[in-house]
C-alpha atoms as a PDB file:
ATOM      1  CA  MET A   1       0.000   0.000   0.000  1.00  0.00           C
ATOM      2  CA  SER A   2       1.275   3.445  -0.806  1.00  0.00           C
ATOM      3  CA  GLN A   3       2.068   5.457   2.281  1.00  0.00           C
ATOM      4  CA  GLN A   4       0.840   8.631   0.622  1.00  0.00           C
ATOM      5  CA  GLY A   5      -2.367   9.682   2.327  1.00  0.00           C
ATOM      6  CA  SER A   6      -1.898   7.299   5.226  1.00  0.00           C
ATOM      7  CA  VAL A   7       0.442   9.596   7.145  1.00  0.00           C
ATOM      8  CA  LEU A   8      -1.319  12.406   8.963  1.00  0.00           C
ATOM      9  CA  THR A   9       0.992  15.362   9.526  1.00  0.00           C
ATOM     10  CA  GLN A  10       0.710  17.859  12.355  1.00  0.00           C
ATOM     11  CA  GLU A  11      -0.439  20.521   9.881  1.00  0.00           C
ATOM     12  CA  GLN A  12      -3.193  18.270   8.484  1.00  0.00           C
ATOM     13  CA  PHE A  13      -4.238  17.282  11.992  1.00  0.00           C
ATOM     14  CA  GLN A  14      -4.709  20.865  13.139  1.00  0.00           C
ATOM     15  CA  GLY A  15      -7.351  21.569  10.504  1.00  0.00           C
ATOM     16  CA  ALA A  16      -8.934  18.140  10.016  1.00  0.00           C
ATOM     17  CA  PRO A  17     -12.175  17.011  11.672  1.00  0.00           C
ATOM     18  CA  ILE A  18     -10.923  13.827  13.363  1.00  0.00           C
ATOM     19  CA  GLU A  19     -12.121  11.535  16.109  1.00  0.00           C
ATOM     20  CA  ARG A  20     -11.276  12.279  19.718  1.00  0.00           C
ATOM     21  CA  ALA A  21      -8.220  10.584  21.140  1.00  0.00           C
ATOM     22  CA  HIS A  22      -9.104  10.487  24.813  1.00  0.00           C
ATOM     23  CA  LEU A  23     -11.028   7.196  24.693  1.00  0.00           C
ATOM     24  CA  HIS A  24     -10.118   5.735  28.053  1.00  0.00           C
ATOM     25  CA  ARG A  25     -12.816   3.092  27.790  1.00  0.00           C
ATOM     26  CA  GLY A  26     -11.277   1.910  24.540  1.00  0.00           C
ATOM     27  CA  PHE A  27     -12.934   1.879  21.144  1.00  0.00           C
ATOM     28  CA  SER A  28     -14.887  -0.453  18.904  1.00  0.00           C
ATOM     29  CA  SER A  29     -15.481   0.266  15.251  1.00  0.00           C
ATOM     30  CA  LYS A  30     -15.271  -0.897  11.633  1.00  0.00           C
ATOM     31  CA  LYS A  31     -12.946   0.894   9.233  1.00  0.00           C
ATOM     32  CA  THR A  32     -10.863   0.256   6.166  1.00  0.00           C
ATOM     33  CA  PRO A  33      -7.147  -0.283   6.893  1.00  0.00           C
ATOM     34  CA  LEU A  34      -6.313   3.215   5.627  1.00  0.00           C
ATOM     35  CA  LYS A  35      -8.926   4.830   7.864  1.00  0.00           C
ATOM     36  CA  TRP A  36      -7.679   2.851  10.867  1.00  0.00           C
ATOM     37  CA  ILE A  37      -4.114   4.010  10.224  1.00  0.00           C
ATOM     38  CA  ARG A  38      -5.243   7.622   9.961  1.00  0.00           C
ATOM     39  CA  PHE A  39      -7.364   7.233  13.088  1.00  0.00           C
ATOM     40  CA  PHE A  40      -4.435   5.888  15.140  1.00  0.00           C
ATOM     41  CA  ARG A  41      -2.187   8.676  13.895  1.00  0.00           C
ATOM     42  CA  ALA A  42      -4.845  11.285  14.640  1.00  0.00           C
ATOM     43  CA  CYS A  43      -5.197  10.013  18.208  1.00  0.00           C
ATOM     44  CA  VAL A  44      -1.454  10.208  18.755  1.00  0.00           C
ATOM     45  CA  LEU A  45      -1.261  13.730  17.323  1.00  0.00           C
ATOM     46  CA  GLN A  46      -4.158  14.908  19.468  1.00  0.00           C
ATOM     47  CA  ARG A  47      -2.373  13.714  22.578  1.00  0.00           C
ATOM     48  CA  GLU A  48       0.929  15.250  21.445  1.00  0.00           C
ATOM     49  CA  SER A  49      -0.815  18.567  20.827  1.00  0.00           C
ATOM     50  CA  ALA A  50      -2.483  18.445  24.252  1.00  0.00           C
ATOM     51  CA  ASN A  51       0.832  17.508  25.877  1.00  0.00           C
ATOM     52  CA  THR A  52       2.514  20.548  24.287  1.00  0.00           C
ATOM     53  CA  LYS A  53      -0.292  22.747  25.602  1.00  0.00           C
ATOM     54  CA  LYS A  54       0.085  21.170  29.058  1.00  0.00           C
ATOM     55  CA  LYS A  55       3.814  21.947  29.142  1.00  0.00           C
ATOM     56  CA  LYS A  56       3.151  25.559  28.152  1.00  0.00           C
ATOM     57  CA  GLU A  57       0.553  25.916  30.920  1.00  0.00           C
ATOM     58  CA  ILE A  58       2.964  24.489  33.500  1.00  0.00           C
ATOM     59  CA  LYS A  59       5.741  26.797  32.291  1.00  0.00           C
ATOM     60  CA  LYS A  60       3.369  29.770  32.496  1.00  0.00           C
ATOM     61  CA  VAL A  61       2.411  28.866  36.088  1.00  0.00           C
ATOM     62  CA  TRP A  62       6.048  28.780  37.202  1.00  0.00           C
ATOM     63  CA  LEU A  63       6.958  31.985  35.340  1.00  0.00           C
ATOM     64  CA  ILE A  64       4.099  33.819  37.044  1.00  0.00           C
ATOM     65  CA  THR A  65       5.095  32.324  40.399  1.00  0.00           C
ATOM     66  CA  VAL A  66       8.744  33.354  40.037  1.00  0.00           C
ATOM     67  CA  GLY A  67       7.709  36.802  38.817  1.00  0.00           C
ATOM     68  CA  ALA A  68       5.378  37.263  41.785  1.00  0.00           C
ATOM     69  CA  ILE A  69       8.127  36.212  44.248  1.00  0.00           C
ATOM     70  CA  ILE A  70      10.616  38.655  42.702  1.00  0.00           C
ATOM     71  CA  LEU A  71       7.997  41.419  42.815  1.00  0.00           C
ATOM     72  CA  SER A  72       7.304  40.701  46.479  1.00  0.00           C
ATOM     73  CA  HIS A  73      11.000  41.155  47.278  1.00  0.00           C
ATOM     74  CA  LEU A  74      11.087  44.454  45.386  1.00  0.00           C
ATOM     75  CA  ILE A  75       8.043  45.679  47.302  1.00  0.00           C
ATOM     76  CA  ASP A  76       9.719  44.647  50.539  1.00  0.00           C
ATOM     77  CA  TYR A  77      12.523  47.140  49.836  1.00  0.00           C
ATOM     78  CA  VAL A  78       9.998  49.996  49.796  1.00  0.00           C
ATOM     79  CA  ALA A  79       7.588  48.868  52.469  1.00  0.00           C
ATOM     80  CA  TYR A  80       7.142  45.926  54.791  1.00  0.00           C
ATOM     81  CA  PHE A  81       5.898  42.830  52.994  1.00  0.00           C
ATOM     82  CA  PRO A  82       5.685  39.243  54.384  1.00  0.00           C
ATOM     83  CA  THR A  83       7.958  37.812  51.681  1.00  0.00           C
ATOM     84  CA  THR A  84       8.614  34.497  53.450  1.00  0.00           C
ATOM     85  CA  LEU A  85       4.926  33.789  53.931  1.00  0.00           C
ATOM     86  CA  PHE A  86       4.181  34.901  50.376  1.00  0.00           C
ATOM     87  CA  PHE A  87       6.980  32.690  49.017  1.00  0.00           C
ATOM     88  CA  ILE A  88       5.557  29.600  50.742  1.00  0.00           C
ATOM     89  CA  ALA A  89       2.009  30.402  49.607  1.00  0.00           C
ATOM     90  CA  ALA A  90       3.158  30.998  46.014  1.00  0.00           C
ATOM     91  CA  ILE A  91       5.076  27.702  45.825  1.00  0.00           C
ATOM     92  CA  ILE A  92       2.160  25.724  47.305  1.00  0.00           C
ATOM     93  CA  THR A  93      -0.255  27.373  44.859  1.00  0.00           C
ATOM     94  CA  ALA A  94       2.037  26.585  41.910  1.00  0.00           C
ATOM     95  CA  ILE A  95       2.331  22.939  42.962  1.00  0.00           C
ATOM     96  CA  ILE A  96      -1.458  22.606  43.287  1.00  0.00           C
ATOM     97  CA  LEU A  97      -1.987  24.147  39.834  1.00  0.00           C
ATOM     98  CA  ASN A  98       0.639  21.818  38.346  1.00  0.00           C
ATOM     99  CA  VAL A  99      -1.061  18.784  39.849  1.00  0.00           C
ATOM    100  CA  ARG A 100      -4.432  19.897  38.475  1.00  0.00           C
ATOM    101  CA  ILE A 101      -3.029  20.474  34.972  1.00  0.00           C
ATOM    102  CA  LYS A 102      -1.357  17.052  34.901  1.00  0.00           C
ATOM    103  CA  LYS A 103      -4.441  15.357  36.346  1.00  0.00           C
ATOM    104  CA  LYS A 104      -6.637  16.939  33.684  1.00  0.00           C
ATOM    105  CA  PHE A 105      -4.303  15.740  30.927  1.00  0.00           C
ATOM    106  CA  LYS A 106      -4.148  12.207  32.333  1.00  0.00           C
ATOM    107  CA  LYS A 107      -7.929  12.116  32.586  1.00  0.00           C
ATOM    108  CA  ASN A 108      -8.468  13.127  28.960  1.00  0.00           C
ATOM    109  CA  TYR A 109      -5.597  11.416  27.161  1.00  0.00           C
ATOM    110  CA  THR A 110      -3.838   8.081  27.214  1.00  0.00           C
ATOM    111  CA  GLU A 111      -0.627   6.731  25.698  1.00  0.00           C
ATOM    112  CA  GLY A 112      -2.093   3.470  24.429  1.00  0.00           C
ATOM    113  CA  PHE A 113      -2.585   4.817  20.925  1.00  0.00           C
ATOM    114  CA  ASP A 114       1.164   4.863  20.269  1.00  0.00           C
ATOM    115  CA  PHE A 115       1.105   1.077  20.327  1.00  0.00           C
ATOM    116  CA  PHE A 116      -1.833   0.796  17.935  1.00  0.00           C
ATOM    117  CA  SER A 117      -0.442   3.488  15.666  1.00  0.00           C
ATOM    118  CA  ASP A 118       2.874   1.653  15.229  1.00  0.00           C
ATOM    119  CA  TYR A 119       2.047  -2.041  15.536  1.00  0.00           C
ATOM    120  CA  PHE A 120      -1.440  -2.454  14.128  1.00  0.00           C
ATOM    121  CA  SER A 121      -0.828   0.073  11.373  1.00  0.00           C
ATOM    122  CA  ALA A 122       2.048  -2.141  10.200  1.00  0.00           C
ATOM    123  CA  PHE A 123      -0.141  -5.256  10.394  1.00  0.00           C
ATOM    124  CA  PHE A 124      -3.109  -3.684   8.593  1.00  0.00           C
ATOM    125  CA  THR A 125      -0.821  -2.351   5.865  1.00  0.00           C
ATOM    126  CA  LEU A 126       0.441  -5.880   5.138  1.00  0.00           C
ATOM    127  CA  ILE A 127      -2.982  -7.556   4.987  1.00  0.00           C
ATOM    128  CA  GLU A 128      -4.796  -4.793   3.108  1.00  0.00           C
ATOM    129  CA  GLU A 129      -4.134  -6.246  -0.346  1.00  0.00           C
ATOM    130  CA  ASP A 130      -5.571  -9.613   0.751  1.00  0.00           C
ATOM    131  CA  LEU A 131      -8.886  -8.152   1.913  1.00  0.00           C
ATOM    132  CA  GLN A 132     -12.068  -8.008  -0.092  1.00  0.00           C
ATOM    133  CA  PRO A 133     -12.539  -4.734  -2.034  1.00  0.00           C
ATOM    134  CA  GLN A 134     -13.521  -1.941   0.367  1.00  0.00           C
ATOM    135  CA  SER A 135     -13.489  -4.496   3.167  1.00  0.00           C
ATOM    136  CA  ARG A 136     -13.495  -3.105   6.686  1.00  0.00           C
ATOM    137  CA  ILE A 137     -11.661  -4.408   9.723  1.00  0.00           C
ATOM    138  CA  THR A 138     -13.645  -4.723  12.941  1.00  0.00           C
ATOM    139  CA  LEU A 139     -11.465  -3.782  15.890  1.00  0.00           C
ATOM    140  CA  GLU A 140     -12.075  -3.465  19.621  1.00  0.00           C
ATOM    141  CA  ALA A 141      -9.323  -2.058  21.795  1.00  0.00           C
ATOM    142  CA  ASN A 142      -8.623  -1.557  25.471  1.00  0.00           C
ATOM    143  CA  VAL A 143      -6.180   1.253  26.274  1.00  0.00           C
ATOM    144  CA  LYS A 144      -6.511   1.081  30.053  1.00  0.00           C
ATOM    145  CA  ASP A 145      -3.621   0.078  32.288  1.00  0.00           C
ATOM    146  CA  THR A 146      -3.129  -3.635  32.828  1.00  0.00           C
ATOM    147  CA  ILE A 147      -2.389  -3.283  36.535  1.00  0.00           C
ATOM    148  CA  GLU A 148      -5.941  -2.679  37.672  1.00  0.00           C
ATOM    149  CA  LYS A 149      -8.081  -4.580  40.119  1.00  0.00           C
ATOM    150  CA  SER A 150     -10.509  -5.621  37.374  1.00  0.00           C
ATOM    151  CA  ASN A 151      -7.662  -7.402  35.536  1.00  0.00           C
ATOM    152  CA  LEU A 152      -6.282  -9.239  38.575  1.00  0.00           C
ATOM    153  CA  GLN A 153      -6.530 -13.015  38.019  1.00  0.00           C
ATOM    154  CA  LYS A 154      -4.863 -14.332  41.162  1.00  0.00           C
ATOM    155  CA  GLU A 155      -2.230 -13.600  43.811  1.00  0.00           C
ATOM    156  CA  GLU A 156       0.263 -15.957  45.415  1.00  0.00           C
ATOM    157  CA  GLU A 157       2.845 -15.835  48.153  1.00  0.00           C
ATOM    158  CA  TYR A 158       6.452 -15.699  46.921  1.00  0.00           C
ATOM    159  CA  THR A 159       9.389 -17.091  48.884  1.00  0.00           C
ATOM    160  CA  SER A 160      13.132 -16.785  48.395  1.00  0.00           C
ATOM    161  CA  GLU A 161      16.283 -18.015  50.074  1.00  0.00           C
ATOM    162  CA  ASN A 162      18.143 -14.817  49.214  1.00  0.00           C
ATOM    163  CA  ARG A 163      19.821 -13.011  52.071  1.00  0.00           C
ATOM    164  CA  GLY A 164      17.672 -10.353  53.715  1.00  0.00           C
ATOM    165  CA  PHE A 165      14.417 -11.632  52.220  1.00  0.00           C
ATOM    166  CA  LEU A 166      11.412 -10.839  54.415  1.00  0.00           C
ATOM    167  CA  SER A 167       8.289 -11.482  52.341  1.00  0.00           C
ATOM    168  CA  GLY A 168       6.995 -11.489  48.809  1.00  0.00           C
ATOM    169  CA  LYS A 169       3.852 -11.696  46.759  1.00  0.00           C
ATOM    170  CA  ASP A 170       3.053 -12.316  43.090  1.00  0.00           C
ATOM    171  CA  PHE A 171       0.095 -10.626  41.411  1.00  0.00           C
ATOM    172  CA  TYR A 172      -1.076 -11.969  38.062  1.00  0.00           C
ATOM    173  CA  TYR A 173      -2.955  -9.679  35.688  1.00  0.00           C
ATOM    174  CA  GLU A 174      -4.454 -10.319  32.288  1.00  0.00           C
ATOM    175  CA  LYS A 175      -6.328  -8.136  29.843  1.00  0.00           C
ATOM    176  CA  ILE A 176      -7.345  -8.322  26.215  1.00  0.00           C
ATOM    177  CA  ILE A 177      -5.584  -5.447  24.479  1.00  0.00           C
ATOM    178  CA  SER A 178      -7.544  -5.871  21.267  1.00  0.00           C
ATOM    179  CA  LYS A 179      -9.638  -8.247  19.225  1.00  0.00           C
ATOM    180  CA  GLY A 180     -11.006  -8.029  15.750  1.00  0.00           C
ATOM    181  CA  SER A 181     -12.007  -9.684  12.506  1.00  0.00           C
ATOM    182  CA  CYS A 182     -12.057  -9.209   8.757  1.00  0.00           C
ATOM    183  CA  PHE A 183     -12.904 -11.042   5.524  1.00  0.00           C
ATOM    184  CA  LEU A 184     -10.187 -11.982   3.059  1.00  0.00           C
ATOM    185  CA  SER A 185     -10.666 -11.878  -0.713  1.00  0.00           C
ATOM    186  CA  ASP A 186     -10.797 -15.684  -1.038  1.00  0.00           C
ATOM    187  CA  GLY A 187     -13.724 -16.006   1.397  1.00  0.00           C
ATOM    188  CA  CYS A 188     -11.666 -16.774   4.499  1.00  0.00           C
ATOM    189  CA  THR A 189     -12.637 -15.182   7.788  1.00  0.00           C
ATOM    190  CA  LEU A 190      -9.846 -13.951  10.039  1.00  0.00           C
ATOM    191  CA  ASN A 191     -10.448 -13.474  13.778  1.00  0.00           C
ATOM    192  CA  PHE A 192      -7.734 -12.360  16.167  1.00  0.00           C
ATOM    193  CA  SER A 193      -7.186 -11.408  19.784  1.00  0.00           C
ATOM    194  CA  PHE A 194      -4.149  -9.886  21.451  1.00  0.00           C
ATOM    195  CA  SER A 195      -3.650 -10.083  25.221  1.00  0.00           C
ATOM    196  CA  GLU A 196      -1.194  -9.089  27.899  1.00  0.00           C
ATOM    197  CA  ARG A 197      -0.337 -11.396  30.805  1.00  0.00           C
ATOM    198  CA  LEU A 198       1.607  -9.606  33.481  1.00  0.00           C
ATOM    199  CA  ARG A 199       3.167 -10.811  36.706  1.00  0.00           C
ATOM    200  CA  SER A 200       3.946  -8.146  39.285  1.00  0.00           C
ATOM    201  CA  ARG A 201       6.263  -9.366  42.048  1.00  0.00           C
ATOM    202  CA  ILE A 202       6.563  -7.280  45.209  1.00  0.00           C
ATOM    203  CA  VAL A 203       9.430  -8.246  47.496  1.00  0.00           C
ATOM    204  CA  LYS A 204      10.313  -6.823  50.900  1.00  0.00           C
ATOM    205  CA  LYS A 205      13.856  -7.287  52.131  1.00  0.00           C
ATOM    206  CA  ARG A 206      16.320  -5.979  54.691  1.00  0.00           C
ATOM    207  CA  SER A 207      19.631  -4.543  53.515  1.00  0.00           C
ATOM    208  CA  ALA A 208      23.000  -5.161  55.182  1.00  0.00           C
ATOM    209  CA  SER A 209      22.592  -1.893  57.081  1.00  0.00           C
ATOM    210  CA  GLY A 210      19.253  -3.040  58.494  1.00  0.00           C
ATOM    211  CA  LYS A 211      17.024  -0.817  56.369  1.00  0.00           C
ATOM    212  CA  ARG A 212      13.845  -2.289  54.904  1.00  0.00           C
ATOM    213  CA  LYS A 213      13.371  -2.051  51.153  1.00  0.00           C
ATOM    214  CA  THR A 214      10.490  -2.878  48.837  1.00  0.00           C
ATOM    215  CA  LYS A 215      11.138  -3.805  45.220  1.00  0.00           C
ATOM    216  CA  GLN A 216       8.678  -4.458  42.433  1.00  0.00           C
ATOM    217  CA  LYS A 217       9.590  -6.484  39.354  1.00  0.00           C
ATOM    218  CA  TYR A 218       7.563  -7.426  36.302  1.00  0.00           C
ATOM    219  CA  LYS A 219       7.400 -10.123  33.677  1.00  0.00           C
ATOM    220  CA  SER A 220       4.985  -9.899  30.767  1.00  0.00           C
ATOM    221  CA  ILE A 221       4.077 -12.011  27.749  1.00  0.00           C
ATOM    222  CA  TYR A 222       1.781 -11.104  24.873  1.00  0.00           C
ATOM    223  CA  PRO A 223      -0.192 -13.954  23.250  1.00  0.00           C
ATOM    224  CA  PHE A 224      -1.608 -13.202  19.803  1.00  0.00           C
ATOM    225  CA  ILE A 225      -4.276 -15.750  18.843  1.00  0.00           C
ATOM    226  CA  LEU A 226      -5.303 -16.033  15.212  1.00  0.00           C
ATOM    227  CA  LYS A 227      -8.310 -18.094  14.155  1.00  0.00           C
ATOM    228  CA  MET A 228      -8.980 -18.604  10.451  1.00  0.00           C
ATOM    229  CA  LYS A 229     -12.134 -20.055   8.946  1.00  0.00           C
ATOM    230  CA  ILE A 230     -11.199 -21.430   5.539  1.00  0.00           C
ATOM    231  CA  PRO A 231     -14.076 -22.351   3.161  1.00  0.00           C
ATOM    232  CA  LYS A 232     -14.227 -26.016   2.148  1.00  0.00           C
ATOM    233  CA  ASP A 233     -15.630 -25.209  -1.288  1.00  0.00           C
ATOM    234  CA  LYS A 234     -12.372 -23.459  -2.183  1.00  0.00           C
ATOM    235  CA  TYR A 235      -9.755 -25.444  -0.254  1.00  0.00           C
ATOM    236  CA  VAL A 236      -8.933 -29.068   0.547  1.00  0.00           C
ATOM    237  CA  LEU A 237      -7.355 -30.081   3.850  1.00  0.00           C
ATOM    238  CA  ASN A 238      -3.852 -31.487   3.546  1.00  0.00           C
ATOM    239  CA  THR A 239      -3.303 -35.041   4.757  1.00  0.00           C
ATOM    240  CA  ALA A 240      -0.061 -34.363   6.642  1.00  0.00           C
ATOM    241  CA  ILE A 241      -0.397 -31.522   9.146  1.00  0.00           C
ATOM    242  CA  ASP A 242       1.865 -30.777  12.094  1.00  0.00           C
ATOM    243  CA  LYS A 243      -0.672 -30.160  14.844  1.00  0.00           C
ATOM    244  CA  SER A 244       1.971 -29.385  17.482  1.00  0.00           C
ATOM    245  CA  THR A 245       1.797 -25.666  16.660  1.00  0.00           C
ATOM    246  CA  LEU A 246      -1.918 -25.290  15.932  1.00  0.00           C
ATOM    247  CA  GLU A 247      -5.455 -26.442  16.701  1.00  0.00           C
ATOM    248  CA  LEU A 248      -7.642 -27.817  13.946  1.00  0.00           C
ATOM    249  CA  ALA A 249     -11.429 -28.180  13.836  1.00  0.00           C
ATOM    250  CA  GLU A 250     -14.114 -28.053  11.186  1.00  0.00           C
ATOM    251  CA  ASP A 251     -17.809 -27.627  10.611  1.00  0.00           C
ATOM    252  CA  ALA A 252     -20.029 -28.190   7.592  1.00  0.00           C
ATOM    253  CA  GLU A 253     -18.619 -25.242   5.637  1.00  0.00           C
ATOM    254  CA  PHE A 254     -15.214 -24.319   7.073  1.00  0.00           C
ATOM    255  CA  TYR A 255     -11.885 -25.633   8.290  1.00  0.00           C
ATOM    256  CA  ILE A 256     -11.140 -23.765  11.517  1.00  0.00           C
ATOM    257  CA  ILE A 257      -7.437 -23.313  12.256  1.00  0.00           C
ATOM    258  CA  LYS A 258      -6.173 -21.656  15.423  1.00  0.00           C
ATOM    259  CA  THR A 259      -2.552 -20.537  15.796  1.00  0.00           C
ATOM    260  CA  THR A 260      -0.829 -18.626  18.593  1.00  0.00           C
ATOM    261  CA  ARG A 261       2.286 -16.496  18.827  1.00  0.00           C
ATOM    262  CA  LYS A 262       3.497 -15.540  22.312  1.00  0.00           C
ATOM    263  CA  PHE A 263       5.762 -12.503  22.403  1.00  0.00           C
ATOM    264  CA  ASP A 264       8.050 -13.058  25.409  1.00  0.00           C
ATOM    265  CA  ILE A 265      11.042 -10.721  25.553  1.00  0.00           C
ATOM    266  CA  LYS A 266      12.698 -12.511  28.480  1.00  0.00           C
ATOM    267  CA  ASN A 267      12.836 -15.831  26.629  1.00  0.00           C
ATOM    268  CA  GLU A 268      13.510 -14.475  23.138  1.00  0.00           C
ATOM    269  CA  HIS A 269      15.846 -11.575  23.901  1.00  0.00           C
ATOM    270  CA  PRO A 270      16.968 -11.804  27.545  1.00  0.00           C
ATOM    271  CA  GLU A 271      19.522  -9.040  26.973  1.00  0.00           C
ATOM    272  CA  LYS A 272      16.640  -6.606  26.356  1.00  0.00           C
ATOM    273  CA  TYR A 273      14.562  -7.732  29.323  1.00  0.00           C
ATOM    274  CA  GLU A 274      13.910  -4.927  31.819  1.00  0.00           C
ATOM    275  CA  PRO A 275      12.495  -6.344  35.081  1.00  0.00           C
ATOM    276  CA  TYR A 276      11.489  -2.926  36.407  1.00  0.00           C
ATOM    277  CA  SER A 277       9.398  -2.049  33.338  1.00  0.00           C
ATOM    278  CA  SER A 278       5.762  -3.180  33.416  1.00  0.00           C
ATOM    279  CA  SER A 279       5.491  -3.340  29.613  1.00  0.00           C
ATOM    280  CA  SER A 280       7.880  -5.106  27.253  1.00  0.00           C
ATOM    281  CA  ILE A 281       6.028  -5.259  23.921  1.00  0.00           C
ATOM    282  CA  SER A 282       7.922  -2.193  22.693  1.00  0.00           C
ATOM    283  CA  MET A 283      11.098  -4.297  22.775  1.00  0.00           C
ATOM    284  CA  PHE A 284       9.795  -5.947  19.603  1.00  0.00           C
ATOM    285  CA  SER A 285       9.859  -3.749  16.507  1.00  0.00           C
ATOM    286  CA  SER A 286       6.533  -3.021  14.806  1.00  0.00           C
ATOM    287  CA  ASP A 287       7.776  -4.573  11.537  1.00  0.00           C
ATOM    288  CA  TYR A 288       8.809  -7.761  13.339  1.00  0.00           C
ATOM    289  CA  PHE A 289       5.442  -7.866  15.105  1.00  0.00           C
ATOM    290  CA  ALA A 290       3.525  -7.522  11.828  1.00  0.00           C
ATOM    291  CA  LEU A 291       5.614 -10.138  10.013  1.00  0.00           C
ATOM    292  CA  GLU A 292       5.119 -12.638  12.849  1.00  0.00           C
ATOM    293  CA  LEU A 293       1.351 -12.199  12.516  1.00  0.00           C
ATOM    294  CA  ILE A 294       1.553 -12.679   8.758  1.00  0.00           C
ATOM    295  CA  ASN A 295       3.467 -15.884   9.460  1.00  0.00           C
ATOM    296  CA  LEU A 296       0.483 -17.145  11.500  1.00  0.00           C
ATOM    297  CA  ILE A 297      -1.723 -16.608   8.444  1.00  0.00           C
ATOM    298  CA  ASN A 298       0.787 -18.463   6.266  1.00  0.00           C
ATOM    299  CA  VAL A 299       0.866 -21.376   8.740  1.00  0.00           C
ATOM    300  CA  SER A 300      -2.923 -21.620   8.507  1.00  0.00           C
ATOM    301  CA  TYR A 301      -2.863 -21.566   4.707  1.00  0.00           C
ATOM    302  CA  GLY A 302      -0.151 -24.234   4.827  1.00  0.00           C
ATOM    303  CA  CYS A 303      -2.755 -26.682   6.153  1.00  0.00           C
ATOM    304  CA  VAL A 304      -4.857 -26.514   2.977  1.00  0.00           C
ATOM    305  CA  THR A 305      -4.540 -26.659  -0.797  1.00  0.00           C
ATOM    306  CA  PRO A 306      -6.667 -24.653  -3.250  1.00  0.00           C
ATOM    307  CA  ARG A 307      -9.173 -26.749  -5.152  1.00  0.00           C
ATOM    308  CA  ALA A 308      -8.344 -27.262  -8.797  1.00  0.00           C
END
């Protein structure tokens, strides 16, 4: 697909009627691949624009605060003025305003769209030519944080023989980041879901000096499940199929093939693993991510042969 028209510049964004980016409850819609790519980019640009405005507001607050403090000192040279009390009040006021500005931004905007803009845009670009003409992709997405009570699956006690260990606990979270479907040009139906499984380990220990410390480490994997329904009137099932990497079923009209790719940075690239980072999907490049998903489609097609 040509990239012309799929890239939304800052200038185009400023004057274009686009969808709002602060969708904390996620989104669910049907769009063509090009419209999805533009939507993701628009969401990212909206947040970037709001972030720039936020920084300007914070800078303005501190400039006014510093200016007011300097003015209070100048007044104090002419007449008595409680500069110390004013200084404390001004700093407290500035901090409160900063907190409110940041809270407002966090309430209205989220960073989840960066992931969709990079990773799913790459995936949709690769499959676009295999879709039916003007076919739309149905996509549901969850851009909330994974570490939330609603996503907690279980918690377990953690023990260790390490020196200074006091106590530990593992918290296991899981959420569906996205799921969707589309129809391919040969009549196949493609359904997919992408999840995050996260383990948060909180350990309390005592250092050599006797001080208590609490550390939190993470490990995350990202299963991508692809289910293809391949029409029997167009394809014949191969006799020799390696079922160790897939699940195979069928009904009256379709062969149903399920494949899974688990993105696990600790196992695949241990040198890139960051135990203190709650998310590791960004360690995989968007191109690599998209090609691995295309490989799942190829594995499914490898189970059948087109009818003569």
